[in-house]
N, C-alpha and C. Protein backbone atom coordinates (compact mmCIF):
# COMPACT_ATOMS: atom_id res chain seq x y z
N MET A 1 20.52 -4.85 9.83
CA MET A 1 21.26 -6.08 9.52
C MET A 1 19.86 -6.50 9.10
N GLY A 2 18.68 -6.44 9.57
CA GLY A 2 17.83 -7.72 9.49
C GLY A 2 16.98 -7.39 7.76
N GLU A 3 17.36 -6.07 7.58
CA GLU A 3 16.90 -5.65 5.71
C GLU A 3 17.30 -6.71 5.08
N ARG A 4 18.25 -7.40 5.05
CA ARG A 4 18.76 -8.42 3.88
C ARG A 4 17.25 -9.20 3.93
N LEU A 5 16.91 -9.94 4.94
CA LEU A 5 16.24 -10.97 5.41
C LEU A 5 14.61 -10.89 4.40
N ALA A 6 14.46 -9.26 4.80
CA ALA A 6 13.61 -8.67 4.46
C ALA A 6 12.75 -8.12 3.19
N TYR A 7 13.52 -8.24 2.42
CA TYR A 7 13.88 -7.62 1.22
C TYR A 7 12.99 -9.22 0.09
N LEU A 8 13.58 -9.67 0.11
CA LEU A 8 12.55 -10.99 -0.71
C LEU A 8 11.43 -11.79 -0.94
N PRO A 9 10.72 -11.23 0.90
CA PRO A 9 9.29 -11.34 0.90
C PRO A 9 8.92 -10.23 0.83
N SER A 10 9.71 -9.04 0.82
CA SER A 10 8.36 -7.78 0.36
C SER A 10 8.21 -7.59 -0.85
N ALA A 11 9.43 -8.29 -2.18
CA ALA A 11 9.93 -8.14 -3.68
C ALA A 11 7.88 -9.37 -3.72
N GLY A 12 8.06 -10.52 -3.27
CA GLY A 12 6.76 -11.28 -3.04
C GLY A 12 5.33 -11.14 -3.15
N PHE A 13 5.79 -10.19 -1.91
CA PHE A 13 3.80 -8.92 -1.75
C PHE A 13 3.60 -8.60 -2.57
N CYS A 14 4.65 -7.26 -2.96
CA CYS A 14 4.21 -6.49 -3.97
C CYS A 14 3.84 -7.52 -5.75
N LEU A 15 4.58 -8.54 -5.56
CA LEU A 15 3.86 -9.45 -6.81
C LEU A 15 2.72 -9.61 -6.58
N LEU A 16 1.78 -9.84 -5.65
CA LEU A 16 1.13 -10.92 -5.60
C LEU A 16 0.49 -9.72 -5.10
N ALA A 17 0.49 -8.43 -4.48
CA ALA A 17 -0.04 -7.33 -4.65
C ALA A 17 -0.79 -6.82 -5.91
N ALA A 18 -0.07 -6.88 -6.74
CA ALA A 18 -0.06 -6.69 -8.75
C ALA A 18 -0.56 -7.06 -9.29
N LEU A 19 -0.64 -8.56 -8.90
CA LEU A 19 -1.43 -10.17 -9.80
C LEU A 19 -2.97 -9.50 -9.56
N ALA A 20 -3.46 -8.79 -8.05
CA ALA A 20 -4.48 -8.96 -6.99
C ALA A 20 -5.37 -7.63 -7.66
N TRP A 21 -4.31 -6.50 -8.01
CA TRP A 21 -4.98 -5.70 -8.73
C TRP A 21 -5.26 -5.44 -10.32
N ASN A 22 -4.46 -7.05 -10.92
CA ASN A 22 -4.96 -6.94 -11.91
C ASN A 22 -5.90 -7.56 -12.52
N TRP A 23 -5.99 -8.56 -10.93
CA TRP A 23 -6.88 -9.48 -11.24
C TRP A 23 -8.63 -8.32 -11.12
N LEU A 24 -8.70 -7.77 -10.15
CA LEU A 24 -9.69 -7.13 -9.73
C LEU A 24 -10.39 -6.13 -10.89
N ARG A 25 -9.27 -5.85 -11.53
CA ARG A 25 -9.74 -4.43 -12.34
C ARG A 25 -10.12 -4.94 -13.41
N GLU A 26 -9.96 -6.09 -14.05
CA GLU A 26 -10.41 -6.98 -15.15
C GLU A 26 -11.63 -7.45 -14.86
N ARG A 27 -12.24 -7.82 -14.00
CA ARG A 27 -13.68 -8.38 -13.48
C ARG A 27 -14.28 -7.22 -13.17
N GLN A 28 -13.86 -6.13 -12.20
CA GLN A 28 -15.01 -4.94 -11.36
C GLN A 28 -14.26 -3.70 -11.70
N ARG A 29 -13.56 -3.08 -12.37
CA ARG A 29 -12.95 -1.42 -12.08
C ARG A 29 -13.74 -0.62 -11.26
N THR A 30 -14.63 -0.64 -10.97
CA THR A 30 -15.29 0.31 -10.13
C THR A 30 -14.51 0.14 -8.30
N VAL A 31 -14.91 -1.26 -8.46
CA VAL A 31 -14.50 -2.05 -6.77
C VAL A 31 -12.53 -1.74 -7.09
N ALA A 32 -12.24 -1.95 -7.59
CA ALA A 32 -10.71 -1.37 -7.69
C ALA A 32 -10.25 0.06 -7.49
N LEU A 33 -11.21 0.89 -8.28
CA LEU A 33 -10.37 2.09 -8.17
C LEU A 33 -11.03 2.58 -6.70
N ALA A 34 -12.03 2.03 -6.00
CA ALA A 34 -12.70 2.44 -5.03
C ALA A 34 -11.21 1.90 -3.94
N ALA A 35 -11.07 0.54 -4.37
CA ALA A 35 -9.85 -0.05 -3.00
C ALA A 35 -8.62 1.03 -3.03
N LEU A 36 -8.52 1.46 -4.41
CA LEU A 36 -7.16 1.76 -4.94
C LEU A 36 -6.93 3.43 -4.27
N THR A 37 -8.37 4.09 -4.20
CA THR A 37 -8.32 5.42 -3.27
C THR A 37 -8.90 5.32 -1.76
N ALA A 38 -9.32 4.12 -1.26
CA ALA A 38 -8.77 4.12 0.13
C ALA A 38 -7.62 3.73 0.50
N VAL A 39 -6.94 3.60 -0.20
CA VAL A 39 -5.71 2.81 0.14
C VAL A 39 -4.96 3.76 0.54
N VAL A 40 -4.96 4.97 -0.82
CA VAL A 40 -4.21 5.90 -1.04
C VAL A 40 -4.35 6.89 0.62
N ALA A 41 -6.04 6.92 0.42
CA ALA A 41 -6.67 8.34 1.52
C ALA A 41 -5.88 7.99 2.56
N ALA A 42 -5.63 6.43 3.18
CA ALA A 42 -5.36 5.77 4.42
C ALA A 42 -3.57 6.00 4.18
N PHE A 43 -2.96 6.04 3.60
CA PHE A 43 -1.76 6.26 3.72
C PHE A 43 -1.65 7.80 4.02
N GLY A 44 -2.05 8.63 3.18
CA GLY A 44 -1.84 9.78 3.07
C GLY A 44 -2.61 10.38 4.51
N MET A 45 -3.00 9.59 5.43
CA MET A 45 -3.53 10.04 6.48
C MET A 45 -2.68 9.75 7.32
N ARG A 46 -2.13 8.38 7.33
CA ARG A 46 -1.31 8.27 8.33
C ARG A 46 0.04 9.15 8.09
N THR A 47 -0.04 9.40 6.67
CA THR A 47 1.50 10.42 6.98
C THR A 47 1.05 11.66 7.63
N MET A 48 0.15 12.31 7.23
CA MET A 48 -0.53 13.32 7.90
C MET A 48 -0.37 13.42 9.54
N VAL A 49 -0.81 12.20 9.86
CA VAL A 49 -0.33 12.16 11.52
C VAL A 49 0.80 11.75 11.74
N ARG A 50 1.49 11.46 10.79
CA ARG A 50 3.31 10.88 11.45
C ARG A 50 3.67 12.12 11.37
N ASN A 51 3.45 13.44 10.69
CA ASN A 51 4.16 14.30 10.15
C ASN A 51 3.92 15.51 11.49
N GLN A 52 2.73 15.33 12.45
CA GLN A 52 2.08 16.00 13.37
C GLN A 52 2.87 15.53 14.31
N VAL A 53 3.18 14.10 14.73
CA VAL A 53 3.93 13.92 15.69
C VAL A 53 5.25 14.08 15.76
N GLY A 54 5.87 14.08 14.35
CA GLY A 54 6.96 15.05 13.99
C GLY A 54 7.66 16.36 14.38
N GLU A 55 6.32 17.49 14.39
CA GLU A 55 6.82 18.71 14.25
C GLU A 55 6.77 19.01 16.02
N THR A 56 5.87 17.95 17.14
CA THR A 56 6.45 17.91 18.61
C THR A 56 7.89 18.06 18.86
N ILE A 57 8.76 16.94 18.16
CA ILE A 57 9.67 16.48 19.17
C ILE A 57 11.05 17.77 19.39
């Protein structure tokens, strides 16, 4: 029921993240790519851990 209340703030967060990405990419491309790699790796590890939990159920 509360998903309808979280939709607009999450859209604003995504917009803010995109603006931050563009700002960082224009100024320091290497740092931006390193940050993107770190985020993708962190979410990948989180997915792997969560999949292991699902196998034990």
